Amino acid sequence: MGDSQSESIDYYKRLCKALLTKGERTSLQKVLAAFVQNKSFATLASELPKILNTPRKRSIIPAIKALIPDQYHAQYDRALQHMGTAAWTTFDKESALEIRKKRVEAEKNLQEAARQKFQELN
């Protein structure tokens, strides 16, 4: 688990360095530090759009979520919703992909169950 967190931090840092200016990285660091200190999702919802103000910069959103403890993910998702639909672009694609994967798996399971019942009838 420590390795996974370390990898998440490294990935986040690489994205930030590639996509944000030094000033934006500093601002983002301050916003995230404030969040860690007071768990204010309102701060995230109000400050992240100022920093992540392009679709390319918003691609950092999932990397930020990976740094947040699992018990806060639902609150983080709600904070992102308050940022508006444009901020959700990258997130929605990830969520939609997961939903599609689950639907495909469920369909495969249904087909397999139907195939087995058909074989039992013969």
PDB file of N, CA and C in Angstrom:
ATOM      1  N   MET A   1       0.828  -1.196   0.000  1.00  0.00           N
ATOM      2  CA  MET A   1       0.000   0.000   0.000  1.00  0.00           C
ATOM      3  C   MET A   1       0.865   1.249   0.000  1.00  0.00           C
ATOM      4  N   GLY A   2       1.977   1.230   0.725  1.00  0.00           N
ATOM      5  CA  GLY A   2       2.887   2.355   0.733  1.00  0.00           C
ATOM      6  C   GLY A   2       3.437   2.635  -0.647  1.00  0.00           C
ATOM      7  N   ASP A   3       3.742   1.574  -1.416  1.00  0.00           N
ATOM      8  CA  ASP A   3       4.245   1.746  -2.769  1.00  0.00           C
ATOM      9  C   ASP A   3       3.209   2.400  -3.663  1.00  0.00           C
ATOM     10  N   SER A   4       1.954   1.993  -3.508  1.00  0.00           N
ATOM     11  CA  SER A   4       0.879   2.560  -4.302  1.00  0.00           C
ATOM     12  C   SER A   4       0.723   4.052  -4.018  1.00  0.00           C
ATOM     13  N   GLN A   5       0.771   4.432  -2.751  1.00  0.00           N
ATOM     14  CA  GLN A   5       0.667   5.843  -2.386  1.00  0.00           C
ATOM     15  C   GLN A   5       1.859   6.621  -2.941  1.00  0.00           C
ATOM     16  N   SER A   6       3.030   6.035  -2.853  1.00  0.00           N
ATOM     17  CA  SER A   6       4.242   6.668  -3.374  1.00  0.00           C
ATOM     18  C   SER A   6       4.138   6.863  -4.890  1.00  0.00           C
ATOM     19  N   GLU A   7       3.618   5.843  -5.581  1.00  0.00           N
ATOM     20  CA  GLU A   7       3.424   5.950  -7.022  1.00  0.00           C
ATOM     21  C   GLU A   7       2.403   7.036  -7.352  1.00  0.00           C
ATOM     22  N   SER A   8       1.338   7.127  -6.549  1.00  0.00           N
ATOM     23  CA  SER A   8       0.313   8.159  -6.763  1.00  0.00           C
ATOM     24  C   SER A   8       0.908   9.546  -6.601  1.00  0.00           C
ATOM     25  N   ILE A   9       1.750   9.712  -5.595  1.00  0.00           N
ATOM     26  CA  ILE A   9       2.384  11.008  -5.356  1.00  0.00           C
ATOM     27  C   ILE A   9       3.328  11.356  -6.502  1.00  0.00           C
ATOM     28  N   ASP A  10       4.124  10.381  -6.932  1.00  0.00           N
ATOM     29  CA  ASP A  10       5.050  10.620  -8.050  1.00  0.00           C
ATOM     30  C   ASP A  10       4.293  11.001  -9.317  1.00  0.00           C
ATOM     31  N   TYR A  11       3.202  10.285  -9.606  1.00  0.00           N
ATOM     32  CA  TYR A  11       2.395  10.569 -10.791  1.00  0.00           C
ATOM     33  C   TYR A  11       1.799  11.978 -10.710  1.00  0.00           C
ATOM     34  N   TYR A  12       1.263  12.317  -9.554  1.00  0.00           N
ATOM     35  CA  TYR A  12       0.699  13.649  -9.332  1.00  0.00           C
ATOM     36  C   TYR A  12       1.757  14.730  -9.582  1.00  0.00           C
ATOM     37  N   LYS A  13       2.939  14.534  -9.021  1.00  0.00           N
ATOM     38  CA  LYS A  13       4.012  15.519  -9.183  1.00  0.00           C
ATOM     39  C   LYS A  13       4.421  15.676 -10.647  1.00  0.00           C
ATOM     40  N   ARG A  14       4.513  14.546 -11.362  1.00  0.00           N
ATOM     41  CA  ARG A  14       4.889  14.615 -12.784  1.00  0.00           C
ATOM     42  C   ARG A  14       3.827  15.363 -13.587  1.00  0.00           C
ATOM     43  N   LEU A  15       2.562  15.074 -13.317  1.00  0.00           N
ATOM     44  CA  LEU A  15       1.484  15.778 -14.016  1.00  0.00           C
ATOM     45  C   LEU A  15       1.537  17.274 -13.740  1.00  0.00           C
ATOM     46  N   CYS A  16       1.691  17.615 -12.474  1.00  0.00           N
ATOM     47  CA  CYS A  16       1.727  19.028 -12.104  1.00  0.00           C
ATOM     48  C   CYS A  16       2.880  19.744 -12.794  1.00  0.00           C
ATOM     49  N   LYS A  17       4.041  19.118 -12.793  1.00  0.00           N
ATOM     50  CA  LYS A  17       5.218  19.746 -13.408  1.00  0.00           C
ATOM     51  C   LYS A  17       5.019  19.925 -14.906  1.00  0.00           C
ATOM     52  N   ALA A  18       4.361  18.958 -15.532  1.00  0.00           N
ATOM     53  CA  ALA A  18       4.144  19.021 -16.973  1.00  0.00           C
ATOM     54  C   ALA A  18       3.042  20.003 -17.376  1.00  0.00           C
ATOM     55  N   LEU A  19       2.034  20.166 -16.521  1.00  0.00           N
ATOM     56  CA  LEU A  19       0.842  20.913 -16.925  1.00  0.00           C
ATOM     57  C   LEU A  19       0.680  22.286 -16.290  1.00  0.00           C
ATOM     58  N   LEU A  20       1.349  22.520 -15.162  1.00  0.00           N
ATOM     59  CA  LEU A  20       1.140  23.771 -14.433  1.00  0.00           C
ATOM     60  C   LEU A  20       2.420  24.596 -14.364  1.00  0.00           C
ATOM     61  N   THR A  21       2.243  25.898 -14.281  1.00  0.00           N
ATOM     62  CA  THR A  21       3.387  26.775 -14.049  1.00  0.00           C
ATOM     63  C   THR A  21       3.822  26.619 -12.601  1.00  0.00           C
ATOM     64  N   LYS A  22       4.978  27.143 -12.289  1.00  0.00           N
ATOM     65  CA  LYS A  22       5.460  27.065 -10.906  1.00  0.00           C
ATOM     66  C   LYS A  22       4.477  27.752  -9.956  1.00  0.00           C
ATOM     67  N   GLY A  23       3.959  28.895 -10.355  1.00  0.00           N
ATOM     68  CA  GLY A  23       2.983  29.612  -9.531  1.00  0.00           C
ATOM     69  C   GLY A  23       1.713  28.812  -9.320  1.00  0.00           C
ATOM     70  N   GLU A  24       1.239  28.154 -10.386  1.00  0.00           N
ATOM     71  CA  GLU A  24       0.039  27.322 -10.261  1.00  0.00           C
ATOM     72  C   GLU A  24       0.295  26.126  -9.356  1.00  0.00           C
ATOM     73  N   ARG A  25       1.480  25.535  -9.476  1.00  0.00           N
ATOM     74  CA  ARG A  25       1.822  24.409  -8.597  1.00  0.00           C
ATOM     75  C   ARG A  25       1.844  24.846  -7.142  1.00  0.00           C
ATOM     76  N   THR A  26       2.405  26.033  -6.894  1.00  0.00           N
ATOM     77  CA  THR A  26       2.449  26.563  -5.526  1.00  0.00           C
ATOM     78  C   THR A  26       1.037  26.804  -5.011  1.00  0.00           C
ATOM     79  N   SER A  27       0.183  27.383  -5.844  1.00  0.00           N
ATOM     80  CA  SER A  27      -1.207  27.641  -5.450  1.00  0.00           C
ATOM     81  C   SER A  27      -1.941  26.337  -5.163  1.00  0.00           C
ATOM     82  N   LEU A  28      -1.741  25.355  -6.033  1.00  0.00           N
ATOM     83  CA  LEU A  28      -2.398  24.061  -5.830  1.00  0.00           C
ATOM     84  C   LEU A  28      -1.909  23.409  -4.542  1.00  0.00           C
ATOM     85  N   GLN A  29      -0.630  23.506  -4.292  1.00  0.00           N
ATOM     86  CA  GLN A  29      -0.071  22.934  -3.067  1.00  0.00           C
ATOM     87  C   GLN A  29      -0.696  23.582  -1.832  1.00  0.00           C
ATOM     88  N   LYS A  30      -0.886  24.896  -1.883  1.00  0.00           N
ATOM     89  CA  LYS A  30      -1.502  25.602  -0.751  1.00  0.00           C
ATOM     90  C   LYS A  30      -2.954  25.168  -0.555  1.00  0.00           C
ATOM     91  N   VAL A  31      -3.695  25.031  -1.644  1.00  0.00           N
ATOM     92  CA  VAL A  31      -5.089  24.607  -1.557  1.00  0.00           C
ATOM     93  C   VAL A  31      -5.176  23.198  -0.960  1.00  0.00           C
ATOM     94  N   LEU A  32      -4.309  22.304  -1.434  1.00  0.00           N
ATOM     95  CA  LEU A  32      -4.335  20.932  -0.918  1.00  0.00           C
ATOM     96  C   LEU A  32      -3.869  20.866   0.532  1.00  0.00           C
ATOM     97  N   ALA A  33      -2.901  21.702   0.900  1.00  0.00           N
ATOM     98  CA  ALA A  33      -2.445  21.750   2.303  1.00  0.00           C
ATOM     99  C   ALA A  33      -3.580  22.239   3.205  1.00  0.00           C
ATOM    100  N   ALA A  34      -4.317  23.243   2.732  1.00  0.00           N
ATOM    101  CA  ALA A  34      -5.460  23.750   3.505  1.00  0.00           C
ATOM    102  C   ALA A  34      -6.517  22.660   3.643  1.00  0.00           C
ATOM    103  N   PHE A  35      -6.728  21.907   2.557  1.00  0.00           N
ATOM    104  CA  PHE A  35      -7.690  20.810   2.622  1.00  0.00           C
ATOM    105  C   PHE A  35      -7.260  19.766   3.653  1.00  0.00           C
ATOM    106  N   VAL A  36      -5.996  19.386   3.630  1.00  0.00           N
ATOM    107  CA  VAL A  36      -5.490  18.378   4.571  1.00  0.00           C
ATOM    108  C   VAL A  36      -5.686  18.855   6.002  1.00  0.00           C
ATOM    109  N   GLN A  37      -5.464  20.143   6.213  1.00  0.00           N
ATOM    110  CA  GLN A  37      -5.567  20.689   7.567  1.00  0.00           C
ATOM    111  C   GLN A  37      -7.011  20.734   8.063  1.00  0.00           C
ATOM    112  N   ASN A  38      -7.943  21.178   7.213  1.00  0.00           N
ATOM    113  CA  ASN A  38      -9.305  21.382   7.708  1.00  0.00           C
ATOM    114  C   ASN A  38     -10.390  20.578   6.994  1.00  0.00           C
ATOM    115  N   LYS A  39      -9.996  19.718   6.050  1.00  0.00           N
ATOM    116  CA  LYS A  39     -10.932  18.870   5.291  1.00  0.00           C
ATOM    117  C   LYS A  39     -12.077  19.675   4.680  1.00  0.00           C
ATOM    118  N   SER A  40     -11.749  20.866   4.186  1.00  0.00           N
ATOM    119  CA  SER A  40     -12.762  21.734   3.596  1.00  0.00           C
ATOM    120  C   SER A  40     -12.908  21.459   2.103  1.00  0.00           C
ATOM    121  N   PHE A  41     -13.959  20.725   1.775  1.00  0.00           N
ATOM    122  CA  PHE A  41     -14.224  20.457   0.369  1.00  0.00           C
ATOM    123  C   PHE A  41     -14.747  21.717  -0.318  1.00  0.00           C
ATOM    124  N   ALA A  42     -15.321  22.626   0.448  1.00  0.00           N
ATOM    125  CA  ALA A  42     -15.766  23.903  -0.121  1.00  0.00           C
ATOM    126  C   ALA A  42     -14.565  24.670  -0.670  1.00  0.00           C
ATOM    127  N   THR A  43     -13.449  24.609   0.037  1.00  0.00           N
ATOM    128  CA  THR A  43     -12.230  25.265  -0.438  1.00  0.00           C
ATOM    129  C   THR A  43     -11.786  24.644  -1.753  1.00  0.00           C
ATOM    130  N   LEU A  44     -11.806  23.315  -1.816  1.00  0.00           N
ATOM    131  CA  LEU A  44     -11.435  22.660  -3.073  1.00  0.00           C
ATOM    132  C   LEU A  44     -12.348  23.117  -4.205  1.00  0.00           C
ATOM    133  N   ALA A  45     -13.656  23.099  -3.945  1.00  0.00           N
ATOM    134  CA  ALA A  45     -14.632  23.443  -4.979  1.00  0.00           C
ATOM    135  C   ALA A  45     -14.483  24.884  -5.448  1.00  0.00           C
ATOM    136  N   SER A  46     -14.077  25.769  -4.548  1.00  0.00           N
ATOM    137  CA  SER A  46     -13.955  27.168  -4.952  1.00  0.00           C
ATOM    138  C   SER A  46     -12.584  27.509  -5.521  1.00  0.00           C
ATOM    139  N   GLU A  47     -11.536  26.836  -5.070  1.00  0.00           N
ATOM    140  CA  GLU A  47     -10.182  27.194  -5.481  1.00  0.00           C
ATOM    141  C   GLU A  47      -9.631  26.394  -6.659  1.00  0.00           C
ATOM    142  N   LEU A  48      -9.988  25.118  -6.761  1.00  0.00           N
ATOM    143  CA  LEU A  48      -9.449  24.319  -7.859  1.00  0.00           C
ATOM    144  C   LEU A  48      -9.783  24.878  -9.241  1.00  0.00           C
ATOM    145  N   PRO A  49     -11.017  25.367  -9.477  1.00  0.00           N
ATOM    146  CA  PRO A  49     -11.311  25.898 -10.816  1.00  0.00           C
ATOM    147  C   PRO A  49     -10.435  27.094 -11.205  1.00  0.00           C
ATOM    148  N   LYS A  50      -9.965  27.836 -10.215  1.00  0.00           N
ATOM    149  CA  LYS A  50      -9.106  28.985 -10.500  1.00  0.00           C
ATOM    150  C   LYS A  50      -7.735  28.531 -11.011  1.00  0.00           C
ATOM    151  N   ILE A  51      -7.293  27.382 -10.520  1.00  0.00           N
ATOM    152  CA  ILE A  51      -5.976  26.856 -10.895  1.00  0.00           C
ATOM    153  C   ILE A  51      -6.092  25.930 -12.103  1.00  0.00           C
ATOM    154  N   LEU A  52      -7.053  25.034 -12.042  1.00  0.00           N
ATOM    155  CA  LEU A  52      -7.243  24.045 -13.114  1.00  0.00           C
ATOM    156  C   LEU A  52      -8.268  24.600 -14.093  1.00  0.00           C
ATOM    157  N   ASN A  53      -7.876  25.634 -14.809  1.00  0.00           N
ATOM    158  CA  ASN A  53      -8.814  26.407 -15.618  1.00  0.00           C
ATOM    159  C   ASN A  53      -8.834  26.041 -17.100  1.00  0.00           C
ATOM    160  N   THR A  54      -8.248  24.912 -17.465  1.00  0.00           N
ATOM    161  CA  THR A  54      -8.332  24.407 -18.835  1.00  0.00           C
ATOM    162  C   THR A  54      -8.583  22.905 -18.773  1.00  0.00           C
ATOM    163  N   PRO A  55      -9.145  22.346 -19.839  1.00  0.00           N
ATOM    164  CA  PRO A  55      -9.356  20.887 -19.834  1.00  0.00           C
ATOM    165  C   PRO A  55      -8.056  20.111 -19.600  1.00  0.00           C
ATOM    166  N   ARG A  56      -6.980  20.577 -20.173  1.00  0.00           N
ATOM    167  CA  ARG A  56      -5.696  19.889 -19.997  1.00  0.00           C
ATOM    168  C   ARG A  56      -5.258  19.903 -18.525  1.00  0.00           C
ATOM    169  N   LYS A  57      -5.396  21.047 -17.875  1.00  0.00           N
ATOM    170  CA  LYS A  57      -5.019  21.140 -16.460  1.00  0.00           C
ATOM    171  C   LYS A  57      -5.949  20.293 -15.597  1.00  0.00           C
ATOM    172  N   ARG A  58      -7.226  20.209 -15.990  1.00  0.00           N
ATOM    173  CA  ARG A  58      -8.185  19.421 -15.211  1.00  0.00           C
ATOM    174  C   ARG A  58      -7.899  17.927 -15.279  1.00  0.00           C
ATOM    175  N   SER A  59      -7.009  17.514 -16.173  1.00  0.00           N
ATOM    176  CA  SER A  59      -6.648  16.095 -16.218  1.00  0.00           C
ATOM    177  C   SER A  59      -5.911  15.668 -14.949  1.00  0.00           C
ATOM    178  N   ILE A  60      -5.543  16.632 -14.109  1.00  0.00           N
ATOM    179  CA  ILE A  60      -4.897  16.349 -12.828  1.00  0.00           C
ATOM    180  C   ILE A  60      -5.917  15.873 -11.780  1.00  0.00           C
ATOM    181  N   ILE A  61      -7.186  16.148 -12.000  1.00  0.00           N
ATOM    182  CA  ILE A  61      -8.227  15.848 -11.011  1.00  0.00           C
ATOM    183  C   ILE A  61      -8.182  14.400 -10.510  1.00  0.00           C
ATOM    184  N   PRO A  62      -8.117  13.395 -11.386  1.00  0.00           N
ATOM    185  CA  PRO A  62      -8.061  12.020 -10.862  1.00  0.00           C
ATOM    186  C   PRO A  62      -6.802  11.750 -10.039  1.00  0.00           C
ATOM    187  N   ALA A  63      -5.694  12.384 -10.402  1.00  0.00           N
ATOM    188  CA  ALA A  63      -4.449  12.192  -9.637  1.00  0.00           C
ATOM    189  C   ALA A  63      -4.581  12.781  -8.242  1.00  0.00           C
ATOM    190  N   ILE A  64      -5.306  13.883  -8.127  1.00  0.00           N
ATOM    191  CA  ILE A  64      -5.539  14.481  -6.811  1.00  0.00           C
ATOM    192  C   ILE A  64      -6.399  13.536  -5.974  1.00  0.00           C
ATOM    193  N   LYS A  65      -7.432  12.973  -6.594  1.00  0.00           N
ATOM    194  CA  LYS A  65      -8.319  12.051  -5.861  1.00  0.00           C
ATOM    195  C   LYS A  65      -7.536  10.854  -5.331  1.00  0.00           C
ATOM    196  N   ALA A  66      -6.562  10.380  -6.103  1.00  0.00           N
ATOM    197  CA  ALA A  66      -5.774   9.224  -5.664  1.00  0.00           C
ATOM    198  C   ALA A  66      -4.967   9.519  -4.402  1.00  0.00           C
ATOM    199  N   LEU A  67      -4.731  10.799  -4.119  1.00  0.00           N
ATOM    200  CA  LEU A  67      -3.976  11.187  -2.928  1.00  0.00           C
ATOM    201  C   LEU A  67      -4.862  11.305  -1.691  1.00  0.00           C
ATOM    202  N   ILE A  68      -6.169  11.414  -1.922  1.00  0.00           N
ATOM    203  CA  ILE A  68      -7.116  11.627  -0.827  1.00  0.00           C
ATOM    204  C   ILE A  68      -7.540  10.269  -0.264  1.00  0.00           C
ATOM    205  N   PRO A  69      -7.585  10.126   1.070  1.00  0.00           N
ATOM    206  CA  PRO A  69      -8.019   8.855   1.665  1.00  0.00           C
ATOM    207  C   PRO A  69      -9.400   8.436   1.155  1.00  0.00           C
ATOM    208  N   ASP A  70      -9.582   7.136   0.994  1.00  0.00           N
ATOM    209  CA  ASP A  70     -10.818   6.591   0.427  1.00  0.00           C
ATOM    210  C   ASP A  70     -12.076   7.104   1.117  1.00  0.00           C
ATOM    211  N   GLN A  71     -12.041   7.283   2.428  1.00  0.00           N
ATOM    212  CA  GLN A  71     -13.258   7.687   3.135  1.00  0.00           C
ATOM    213  C   GLN A  71     -13.744   9.083   2.737  1.00  0.00           C
ATOM    214  N   TYR A  72     -12.893   9.858   2.044  1.00  0.00           N
ATOM    215  CA  TYR A  72     -13.288  11.206   1.619  1.00  0.00           C
ATOM    216  C   TYR A  72     -13.630  11.284   0.131  1.00  0.00           C
ATOM    217  N   HIS A  73     -13.582  10.164  -0.591  1.00  0.00           N
ATOM    218  CA  HIS A  73     -13.809  10.207  -2.040  1.00  0.00           C
ATOM    219  C   HIS A  73     -15.193  10.727  -2.410  1.00  0.00           C
ATOM    220  N   ALA A  74     -16.231  10.326  -1.693  1.00  0.00           N
ATOM    221  CA  ALA A  74     -17.588  10.789  -2.026  1.00  0.00           C
ATOM    222  C   ALA A  74     -17.690  12.301  -1.857  1.00  0.00           C
ATOM    223  N   GLN A  75     -17.096  12.821  -0.791  1.00  0.00           N
ATOM    224  CA  GLN A  75     -17.113  14.272  -0.576  1.00  0.00           C
ATOM    225  C   GLN A  75     -16.308  14.992  -1.661  1.00  0.00           C
ATOM    226  N   TYR A  76     -15.192  14.400  -2.056  1.00  0.00           N
ATOM    227  CA  TYR A  76     -14.369  14.973  -3.119  1.00  0.00           C
ATOM    228  C   TYR A  76     -15.167  15.024  -4.422  1.00  0.00           C
ATOM    229  N   ASP A  77     -15.876  13.932  -4.720  1.00  0.00           N
ATOM    230  CA  ASP A  77     -16.694  13.900  -5.931  1.00  0.00           C
ATOM    231  C   ASP A  77     -17.759  14.992  -5.904  1.00  0.00           C
ATOM    232  N   ARG A  78     -18.396  15.188  -4.740  1.00  0.00           N
ATOM    233  CA  ARG A  78     -19.409  16.252  -4.631  1.00  0.00           C
ATOM    234  C   ARG A  78     -18.779  17.625  -4.826  1.00  0.00           C
ATOM    235  N   ALA A  79     -17.590  17.822  -4.282  1.00  0.00           N
ATOM    236  CA  ALA A  79     -16.899  19.104  -4.462  1.00  0.00           C
ATOM    237  C   ALA A  79     -16.628  19.347  -5.943  1.00  0.00           C
ATOM    238  N   LEU A  80     -16.247  18.306  -6.653  1.00  0.00           N
ATOM    239  CA  LEU A  80     -15.989  18.447  -8.092  1.00  0.00           C
ATOM    240  C   LEU A  80     -17.262  18.784  -8.851  1.00  0.00           C
ATOM    241  N   GLN A  81     -18.390  18.219  -8.425  1.00  0.00           N
ATOM    242  CA  GLN A  81     -19.656  18.529  -9.080  1.00  0.00           C
ATOM    243  C   GLN A  81     -19.949  20.023  -8.983  1.00  0.00           C
ATOM    244  N   HIS A  82     -19.595  20.632  -7.854  1.00  0.00           N
ATOM    245  CA  HIS A  82     -19.841  22.056  -7.672  1.00  0.00           C
ATOM    246  C   HIS A  82     -18.945  22.904  -8.564  1.00  0.00           C
ATOM    247  N   MET A  83     -17.865  22.305  -9.074  1.00  0.00           N
ATOM    248  CA  MET A  83     -16.979  23.031  -9.973  1.00  0.00           C
ATOM    249  C   MET A  83     -17.609  23.207 -11.348  1.00  0.00           C
ATOM    250  N   GLY A  84     -18.622  22.435 -11.653  1.00  0.00           N
ATOM    251  CA  GLY A  84     -19.282  22.546 -12.948  1.00  0.00           C
ATOM    252  C   GLY A  84     -18.919  21.383 -13.862  1.00  0.00           C
ATOM    253  N   THR A  85     -19.701  21.212 -14.886  1.00  0.00           N
ATOM    254  CA  THR A  85     -19.533  20.053 -15.752  1.00  0.00           C
ATOM    255  C   THR A  85     -18.212  20.064 -16.504  1.00  0.00           C
ATOM    256  N   ALA A  86     -17.693  21.208 -16.869  1.00  0.00           N
ATOM    257  CA  ALA A  86     -16.433  21.246 -17.622  1.00  0.00           C
ATOM    258  C   ALA A  86     -15.299  20.635 -16.810  1.00  0.00           C
ATOM    259  N   ALA A  87     -15.317  20.861 -15.506  1.00  0.00           N
ATOM    260  CA  ALA A  87     -14.258  20.330 -14.651  1.00  0.00           C
ATOM    261  C   ALA A  87     -14.336  18.819 -14.532  1.00  0.00           C
ATOM    262  N   TRP A  88     -15.491  18.265 -14.879  1.00  0.00           N
ATOM    263  CA  TRP A  88     -15.684  16.824 -14.737  1.00  0.00           C
ATOM    264  C   TRP A  88     -15.257  16.044 -15.964  1.00  0.00           C
ATOM    265  N   THR A  89     -14.821  16.713 -17.017  1.00  0.00           N
ATOM    266  CA  THR A  89     -14.561  16.045 -18.288  1.00  0.00           C
ATOM    267  C   THR A  89     -13.739  14.783 -18.118  1.00  0.00           C
ATOM    268  N   THR A  90     -12.572  14.874 -17.527  1.00  0.00           N
ATOM    269  CA  THR A  90     -11.693  13.721 -17.376  1.00  0.00           C
ATOM    270  C   THR A  90     -12.312  12.713 -16.423  1.00  0.00           C
ATOM    271  N   PHE A  91     -12.894  13.207 -15.357  1.00  0.00           N
ATOM    272  CA  PHE A  91     -13.467  12.328 -14.347  1.00  0.00           C
ATOM    273  C   PHE A  91     -14.619  11.521 -14.922  1.00  0.00           C
ATOM    274  N   ASP A  92     -15.494  12.198 -15.697  1.00  0.00           N
ATOM    275  CA  ASP A  92     -16.637  11.515 -16.275  1.00  0.00           C
ATOM    276  C   ASP A  92     -16.196  10.386 -17.191  1.00  0.00           C
ATOM    277  N   LYS A  93     -15.142  10.612 -17.970  1.00  0.00           N
ATOM    278  CA  LYS A  93     -14.657   9.573 -18.872  1.00  0.00           C
ATOM    279  C   LYS A  93     -14.206   8.362 -18.073  1.00  0.00           C
ATOM    280  N   GLU A  94     -13.510   8.572 -16.979  1.00  0.00           N
ATOM    281  CA  GLU A  94     -13.075   7.454 -16.140  1.00  0.00           C
ATOM    282  C   GLU A  94     -14.283   6.730 -15.561  1.00  0.00           C
ATOM    283  N   SER A  95     -15.224   7.486 -15.017  1.00  0.00           N
ATOM    284  CA  SER A  95     -16.408   6.883 -14.412  1.00  0.00           C
ATOM    285  C   SER A  95     -17.205   6.114 -15.455  1.00  0.00           C
ATOM    286  N   ALA A  96     -17.381   6.711 -16.623  1.00  0.00           N
ATOM    287  CA  ALA A  96     -18.139   6.062 -17.689  1.00  0.00           C
ATOM    288  C   ALA A  96     -17.454   4.779 -18.126  1.00  0.00           C
ATOM    289  N   LEU A  97     -16.141   4.783 -18.204  1.00  0.00           N
ATOM    290  CA  LEU A  97     -15.404   3.585 -18.582  1.00  0.00           C
ATOM    291  C   LEU A  97     -15.620   2.472 -17.565  1.00  0.00           C
ATOM    292  N   GLU A  98     -15.564   2.812 -16.275  1.00  0.00           N
ATOM    293  CA  GLU A  98     -15.799   1.807 -15.234  1.00  0.00           C
ATOM    294  C   GLU A  98     -17.222   1.256 -15.320  1.00  0.00           C
ATOM    295  N   ILE A  99     -18.188   2.117 -15.563  1.00  0.00           N
ATOM    296  CA  ILE A  99     -19.583   1.680 -15.678  1.00  0.00           C
ATOM    297  C   ILE A  99     -19.737   0.743 -16.869  1.00  0.00           C
ATOM    298  N   ARG A 100     -19.118   1.119 -18.012  1.00  0.00           N
ATOM    299  CA  ARG A 100     -19.185   0.266 -19.194  1.00  0.00           C
ATOM    300  C   ARG A 100     -18.561  -1.106 -18.929  1.00  0.00           C
ATOM    301  N   LYS A 101     -17.417  -1.112 -18.256  1.00  0.00           N
ATOM    302  CA  LYS A 101     -16.757  -2.387 -17.947  1.00  0.00           C
ATOM    303  C   LYS A 101     -17.668  -3.271 -17.105  1.00  0.00           C
ATOM    304  N   LYS A 102     -18.333  -2.683 -16.118  1.00  0.00           N
ATOM    305  CA  LYS A 102     -19.238  -3.454 -15.258  1.00  0.00           C
ATOM    306  C   LYS A 102     -20.423  -3.982 -16.052  1.00  0.00           C
ATOM    307  N   ARG A 103     -20.964  -3.150 -16.959  1.00  0.00           N
ATOM    308  CA  ARG A 103     -22.097  -3.590 -17.770  1.00  0.00           C
ATOM    309  C   ARG A 103     -21.706  -4.733 -18.692  1.00  0.00           C
ATOM    310  N   VAL A 104     -20.538  -4.625 -19.313  1.00  0.00           N
ATOM    311  CA  VAL A 104     -20.062  -5.691 -20.197  1.00  0.00           C
ATOM    312  C   VAL A 104     -19.885  -6.983 -19.404  1.00  0.00           C
ATOM    313  N   GLU A 105     -19.303  -6.875 -18.220  1.00  0.00           N
ATOM    314  CA  GLU A 105     -19.108  -8.057 -17.373  1.00  0.00           C
ATOM    315  C   GLU A 105     -20.442  -8.670 -16.972  1.00  0.00           C
ATOM    316  N   ALA A 106     -21.400  -7.836 -16.601  1.00  0.00           N
ATOM    317  CA  ALA A 106     -22.728  -8.336 -16.222  1.00  0.00           C
ATOM    318  C   ALA A 106     -23.403  -9.021 -17.405  1.00  0.00           C
ATOM    319  N   GLU A 107     -23.264  -8.438 -18.585  1.00  0.00           N
ATOM    320  CA  GLU A 107     -23.852  -9.043 -19.793  1.00  0.00           C
ATOM    321  C   GLU A 107     -23.214 -10.396 -20.086  1.00  0.00           C
ATOM    322  N   LYS A 108     -21.907 -10.480 -19.946  1.00  0.00           N
ATOM    323  CA  LYS A 108     -21.211 -11.763 -20.150  1.00  0.00           C
ATOM    324  C   LYS A 108     -21.719 -12.806 -19.162  1.00  0.00           C
ATOM    325  N   ASN A 109     -21.888 -12.392 -17.907  1.00  0.00           N
ATOM    326  CA  ASN A 109     -22.387 -13.315 -16.882  1.00  0.00           C
ATOM    327  C   ASN A 109     -23.795 -13.798 -17.214  1.00  0.00           C
ATOM    328  N   LEU A 110     -24.649 -12.895 -17.689  1.00  0.00           N
ATOM    329  CA  LEU A 110     -26.009 -13.272 -18.067  1.00  0.00           C
ATOM    330  C   LEU A 110     -26.000 -14.245 -19.245  1.00  0.00           C
ATOM    331  N   GLN A 111     -25.151 -13.960 -20.220  1.00  0.00           N
ATOM    332  CA  GLN A 111     -25.067 -14.850 -21.383  1.00  0.00           C
ATOM    333  C   GLN A 111     -24.578 -16.235 -20.977  1.00  0.00           C
ATOM    334  N   GLU A 112     -23.599 -16.273 -20.107  1.00  0.00           N
ATOM    335  CA  GLU A 112     -23.066 -17.555 -19.646  1.00  0.00           C
ATOM    336  C   GLU A 112     -24.137 -18.337 -18.878  1.00  0.00           C
ATOM    337  N   ALA A 113     -24.879 -17.649 -18.019  1.00  0.00           N
ATOM    338  CA  ALA A 113     -25.955 -18.303 -17.259  1.00  0.00           C
ATOM    339  C   ALA A 113     -27.023 -18.831 -18.206  1.00  0.00           C
ATOM    340  N   ALA A 114     -27.379 -18.061 -19.222  1.00  0.00           N
ATOM    341  CA  ALA A 114     -28.380 -18.496 -20.191  1.00  0.00           C
ATOM    342  C   ALA A 114     -27.869 -19.703 -20.984  1.00  0.00           C
ATOM    343  N   ARG A 115     -26.600 -19.694 -21.353  1.00  0.00           N
ATOM    344  CA  ARG A 115     -25.997 -20.800 -22.089  1.00  0.00           C
ATOM    345  C   ARG A 115     -26.046 -22.088 -21.251  1.00  0.00           C
ATOM    346  N   GLN A 116     -25.729 -21.959 -19.970  1.00  0.00           N
ATOM    347  CA  GLN A 116     -25.742 -23.123 -19.084  1.00  0.00           C
ATOM    348  C   GLN A 116     -27.157 -23.680 -18.923  1.00  0.00           C
ATOM    349  N   LYS A 117     -28.148 -22.809 -18.778  1.00  0.00           N
ATOM    350  CA  LYS A 117     -29.539 -23.266 -18.643  1.00  0.00           C
ATOM    351  C   LYS A 117     -29.999 -23.960 -19.917  1.00  0.00           C
ATOM    352  N   PHE A 118     -29.586 -23.391 -21.055  1.00  0.00           N
ATOM    353  CA  PHE A 118     -29.956 -23.995 -22.331  1.00  0.00           C
ATOM    354  C   PHE A 118     -29.367 -25.396 -22.446  1.00  0.00           C
ATOM    355  N   GLN A 119     -28.103 -25.559 -22.020  1.00  0.00           N
ATOM    356  CA  GLN A 119     -27.445 -26.863 -22.071  1.00  0.00           C
ATOM    357  C   GLN A 119     -28.132 -27.851 -21.123  1.00  0.00           C
ATOM    358  N   GLU A 120     -28.588 -27.364 -19.984  1.00  0.00           N
ATOM    359  CA  GLU A 120     -29.273 -28.229 -19.028  1.00  0.00           C
ATOM    360  C   GLU A 120     -30.604 -28.740 -19.601  1.00  0.00           C
ATOM    361  N   LEU A 121     -31.244 -27.942 -20.419  1.00  0.00           N
ATOM    362  CA  LEU A 121     -32.518 -28.323 -21.030  1.00  0.00           C
ATOM    363  C   LEU A 121     -32.328 -29.386 -22.105  1.00  0.00           C
ATOM    364  N   ASN A 122     -31.175 -29.406 -22.705  1.00  0.00           N
ATOM    365  CA  ASN A 122     -30.922 -30.390 -23.787  1.00  0.00           C
ATOM    366  C   ASN A 122     -30.355 -31.632 -23.273  1.00  0.00           C
TER     367      ASN A 122
END
